[in-house]
Protein backbone atom coordinates (compact mmCIF):
# COMPACT_ATOMS: atom_id res chain seq x y z
CA MET A 1 27.17 -63.17 -16.95
CA PHE A 2 26.76 -60.58 -14.68
CA VAL A 3 24.51 -57.42 -13.50
CA GLU A 4 25.58 -54.12 -12.78
CA PRO A 5 24.12 -50.60 -12.05
CA VAL A 6 24.23 -49.00 -15.75
CA HIS A 7 24.23 -44.70 -15.91
CA ARG A 8 22.07 -42.93 -18.54
CA ASP A 9 24.29 -40.97 -19.67
CA ASP A 10 26.77 -43.66 -21.43
CA PRO A 11 26.13 -42.86 -24.91
CA ALA A 12 26.26 -47.04 -25.27
CA LEU A 13 23.45 -47.28 -23.17
CA ALA A 14 21.54 -44.79 -25.22
CA ARG A 15 22.20 -46.25 -28.42
CA PHE A 16 21.23 -49.84 -27.29
CA VAL A 17 17.93 -48.00 -25.56
CA ALA A 18 16.94 -46.69 -28.87
CA ARG A 19 17.70 -50.02 -30.65
CA ALA A 20 15.37 -52.05 -27.85
CA LYS A 21 12.79 -49.15 -27.75
CA ALA A 22 12.29 -49.44 -31.67
CA GLU A 23 12.16 -53.36 -31.62
CA ILE A 24 9.57 -53.51 -28.89
CA TRP A 25 7.57 -50.52 -30.42
CA GLY A 26 8.15 -51.12 -34.29
CA LEU A 27 9.66 -47.38 -34.31
CA ALA A 28 12.14 -46.20 -36.24
CA VAL A 29 15.73 -46.16 -34.15
CA ALA A 30 15.79 -42.31 -34.04
CA GLU A 31 12.55 -41.75 -33.25
CA ALA A 32 12.73 -44.06 -30.18
CA ALA A 33 15.94 -42.18 -29.58
CA ARG A 34 13.90 -39.31 -28.89
CA LEU A 35 11.82 -41.25 -26.06
CA LYS A 36 13.55 -39.95 -22.60
CA PRO A 37 13.52 -42.29 -19.99
CA PRO A 38 11.57 -40.80 -16.70
CA PRO A 39 12.97 -39.32 -13.73
CA PHE A 40 13.80 -41.31 -10.74
CA ALA A 41 14.54 -44.43 -12.09
CA ASP A 42 17.63 -46.55 -11.78
CA TYR A 43 18.62 -49.48 -14.10
CA LEU A 44 20.52 -52.65 -13.67
CA GLY A 45 22.57 -54.42 -16.78
CA LEU A 46 22.79 -57.89 -17.60
CA PHE A 47 26.08 -58.42 -19.44
CA VAL A 48 27.43 -61.45 -21.45
CA GLU A 49 30.78 -61.44 -22.45
CA GLY A 50 31.45 -57.92 -21.53
CA GLU A 51 28.30 -56.64 -24.19
CA LEU A 52 25.43 -55.13 -22.56
CA ALA A 53 22.28 -57.86 -23.05
CA GLY A 54 19.52 -56.63 -21.72
CA PHE A 55 18.15 -54.17 -18.26
CA VAL A 56 15.74 -53.56 -16.07
CA GLU A 57 14.13 -50.16 -15.05
CA VAL A 58 12.83 -49.59 -11.71
CA PHE A 59 11.55 -46.24 -9.88
CA CYS A 60 10.12 -45.70 -5.89
CA TYR A 61 6.83 -44.88 -5.53
CA ALA A 62 7.83 -42.58 -2.72
CA GLN A 63 10.22 -40.10 -4.91
CA THR A 64 7.90 -40.80 -8.48
CA CYS A 65 4.78 -41.10 -7.26
CA GLY A 66 5.18 -39.18 -3.88
CA SER A 67 2.31 -41.92 -2.02
CA TYR A 68 0.05 -44.70 -3.73
CA ALA A 69 -2.88 -42.48 -3.84
CA LYS A 70 -1.07 -40.50 -7.04
CA SER A 71 0.02 -43.64 -8.92
CA PRO A 72 -2.09 -44.40 -12.09
CA TRP A 73 -3.34 -47.69 -9.79
CA GLY A 74 -3.68 -46.46 -6.75
CA ASP A 75 -7.43 -46.73 -6.54
CA ALA A 76 -7.44 -50.51 -7.63
CA CYS A 77 -5.91 -52.12 -4.89
CA ASP A 78 -4.37 -51.35 -1.25
CA LEU A 79 -0.34 -51.18 -1.91
CA GLY A 80 -0.12 -49.72 1.48
CA ALA A 81 -0.89 -53.43 3.42
CA PHE A 82 2.08 -54.65 2.45
CA CYS A 83 4.43 -51.36 3.23
CA GLY A 84 4.65 -47.88 2.61
CA PRO A 85 6.00 -45.89 -0.61
CA GLU A 86 9.74 -45.52 0.54
CA GLN A 87 9.67 -49.32 0.27
CA MET A 88 7.85 -50.34 -2.59
CA MET A 89 9.70 -50.36 -6.29
CA HIS A 90 8.00 -50.54 -9.44
CA VAL A 91 9.62 -52.65 -12.33
CA GLU A 92 8.75 -50.11 -15.10
CA ALA A 93 10.34 -52.16 -17.95
CA ILE A 94 12.61 -55.31 -18.55
CA PHE A 95 14.27 -56.29 -22.19
CA VAL A 96 16.47 -58.92 -22.80
CA GLU A 97 18.48 -59.64 -26.29
CA ARG A 98 16.25 -61.58 -28.48
CA ARG A 99 19.02 -64.24 -28.84
CA TYR A 100 18.95 -65.04 -25.17
CA ARG A 101 14.92 -65.06 -24.65
CA ARG A 102 15.44 -68.64 -25.56
CA SER A 103 15.46 -69.50 -21.67
CA SER A 104 13.97 -67.75 -19.23
CA ARG A 105 17.39 -67.97 -17.05
CA HIS A 106 18.89 -64.28 -18.31
CA PHE A 107 15.18 -62.67 -17.26
CA ALA A 108 15.18 -64.49 -14.23
CA ARG A 109 18.93 -63.34 -13.61
CA LEU A 110 17.79 -59.98 -13.86
CA TYR A 111 14.97 -60.06 -11.80
CA LEU A 112 17.23 -61.84 -9.08
CA SER A 113 19.65 -59.48 -9.20
CA ALA A 114 17.41 -56.56 -8.70
CA ALA A 115 15.93 -57.96 -5.60
CA ARG A 116 19.20 -58.35 -3.97
CA HIS A 117 20.27 -55.01 -5.26
CA TYR A 118 16.94 -52.86 -4.31
CA ARG A 119 16.77 -54.96 -0.97
CA ALA A 120 20.08 -54.40 0.32
CA ARG A 121 18.81 -50.62 0.11
CA GLY A 122 15.43 -51.12 2.01
CA ALA A 123 13.09 -52.02 -0.14
CA ARG A 124 11.02 -55.04 0.50
CA PHE A 125 8.44 -55.16 -1.95
CA ALA A 126 8.11 -54.49 -6.05
CA THR A 127 5.45 -54.42 -8.30
CA VAL A 128 5.10 -54.60 -11.94
CA LEU A 129 2.76 -54.58 -14.86
CA VAL A 130 1.76 -57.23 -17.02
CA ASP A 131 -0.57 -57.86 -20.18
CA ALA A 132 -2.88 -61.22 -18.75
CA ALA A 133 -3.08 -61.94 -22.30
CA ASP A 134 0.57 -62.99 -22.60
CA VAL A 135 0.80 -66.59 -21.08
CA TYR A 136 4.13 -67.09 -21.35
CA LEU A 137 5.18 -63.66 -19.69
CA VAL A 138 2.72 -64.13 -16.96
CA GLY A 139 4.21 -67.46 -16.20
CA LEU A 140 7.55 -66.27 -16.58
CA TYR A 141 5.94 -63.81 -13.49
CA ARG A 142 4.97 -66.38 -11.81
CA LYS A 143 8.41 -68.53 -11.46
CA ILE A 144 9.55 -66.11 -10.03
CA GLY A 145 6.80 -66.10 -7.18
CA ALA A 146 4.96 -63.07 -8.22
CA ARG A 147 1.06 -62.65 -7.44
CA GLU A 148 -1.65 -60.80 -9.19
CA LEU A 149 -3.19 -58.66 -7.18
CA CYS A 150 -5.64 -57.05 -9.70
CA SER A 151 -6.78 -56.29 -13.23
CA LEU A 152 -6.47 -52.40 -14.35
CA ALA A 153 -8.68 -53.00 -17.48
CA ARG A 154 -11.63 -51.51 -15.54
CA LEU A 155 -10.24 -48.69 -14.81
CA PRO A 156 -11.52 -45.69 -16.72
CA TRP A 157 -8.41 -44.46 -18.06
CA PHE A 158 -6.56 -47.71 -18.94
CA GLU A 159 -10.45 -48.88 -20.18
CA ALA A 160 -10.65 -45.77 -22.44
CA ARG A 161 -7.35 -46.94 -24.19
CA GLY A 162 -8.14 -50.75 -23.95
CA ILE A 163 -5.08 -51.48 -22.06
CA GLU A 164 -5.26 -54.64 -20.31
CA LEU A 165 -2.49 -55.20 -17.92
CA GLY A 166 -2.31 -56.68 -14.35
CA LEU A 167 -0.86 -55.60 -11.62
CA PHE A 168 1.54 -58.07 -9.74
CA VAL A 169 3.89 -58.01 -6.64
CA LEU A 170 6.37 -59.65 -5.49
CA ASP A 171 8.24 -60.03 -2.39
CA LEU A 172 12.01 -59.12 -2.74
CA GLN A 173 12.98 -61.57 0.32
CA ASP A 174 10.74 -64.41 -0.88
CA VAL A 175 12.14 -63.77 -4.75
CA ILE A 176 15.58 -63.91 -2.83
CA ASP A 177 15.27 -67.25 -0.88
CA GLY A 178 12.97 -68.81 -3.80
CA ARG A 179 13.55 -71.61 -5.92
CA ILE A 180 15.27 -69.63 -8.43
CA ALA A 181 18.41 -68.26 -6.35
CA ARG A 182 18.65 -71.72 -4.89
CA ARG A 183 18.82 -73.38 -8.41
CA PHE A 184 21.53 -70.33 -9.42
CA GLU A 185 23.40 -71.28 -6.38
CA ARG A 186 23.77 -75.11 -7.43
CA THR A 187 25.10 -74.32 -10.70
CA ALA A 188 27.77 -72.20 -8.86
CA ARG A 189 28.46 -74.84 -6.85
CA ASN A 190 28.64 -77.27 -9.91
CA GLY A 191 31.31 -75.04 -11.58
CA ARG A 192 29.06 -73.08 -13.60
CA PRO A 193 28.55 -69.53 -13.37
CA GLY A 194 25.98 -67.55 -10.71
CA ILE A 195 25.50 -64.69 -10.08
CA GLU A 196 27.91 -62.13 -10.14
CA GLU A 197 26.67 -58.70 -9.05
CA ARG A 198 28.69 -55.63 -9.43
CA GLN A 199 28.27 -52.38 -7.05
CA LEU A 200 28.60 -48.81 -9.46
CA PRO A 201 28.22 -45.60 -8.86
CA GLU A 202 24.06 -44.61 -9.57
CA PRO A 203 22.95 -45.13 -13.16
CA THR A 204 19.78 -45.05 -15.66
CA LEU A 205 17.87 -46.79 -19.22
CA GLU A 206 14.83 -47.00 -20.05
CA THR A 207 12.35 -48.75 -22.48
CA HIS A 208 8.32 -50.07 -21.94
CA SER A 209 6.05 -52.25 -24.32
CA ARG A 210 3.60 -50.44 -26.91
CA LYS A 211 0.80 -50.50 -24.31
CA ARG A 212 2.98 -48.81 -21.67
CA LEU A 213 3.88 -46.04 -23.60
CA ALA A 214 0.80 -45.02 -22.85
CA LEU A 215 1.03 -45.32 -19.46
CA ALA A 216 4.36 -43.39 -19.26
CA GLU A 217 2.42 -40.20 -21.09
CA HIS A 218 0.15 -40.64 -18.28
CA GLU A 219 2.49 -40.94 -15.74
CA SER A 220 4.51 -37.85 -17.15
CA SER A 221 1.27 -35.48 -16.93
CA ARG A 222 1.65 -36.34 -13.09
CA PRO A 223 3.75 -33.90 -10.87
CA ARG A 224 7.32 -35.58 -9.59
CA ARG A 225 8.08 -35.19 -6.12
CA SER A 226 12.21 -35.73 -5.12
CA THR A 227 13.08 -36.80 -2.39
CA ALA A 228 16.32 -35.32 -2.32
């Protein structure tokens, strides 16, 4: 098992993403395939026995939103208290194949690898939106060190659409130094596979939950700014 960047132009990835979105949203695969990834997103793929088994989609606030104030939840909390937008990532989506969901280790491996990948590139923190009613998912995020900053349910845009999400934040260095990382290191020392990360050219991919689809549509209506 290993994690590495994946490229958005790879046809195999496009097929995988369409299948993933169809499962998450209950759409036809052809319909899901028409949904495009947001600009400026990076993607890391989880590979098991050489096959893509999951991915995480991440973007930087500075590139996608320009500033915290221009993000959909800019008025909900003070992200500037953590770091500047150029050092804050947002985990837009994470997906693991159904047959690998019985254990949280695949999920944790994706997050740990992403934390190392983006910390090495200057990022310090990452936010993620979590369905507050999903006790299992909330537990997984807390297990890797995430803490809830605020609920977005009462913000007018989210309230009007019945979206009940919590905004969580992770300190990337804490994720790297935490017990999840230590557990993987122990298993590697004991002769079991640890985390292998491959550095390849820049990549891309996408998926959301059904609630995230509304958020994605909201984001697409906002002006995007490139720092290139």
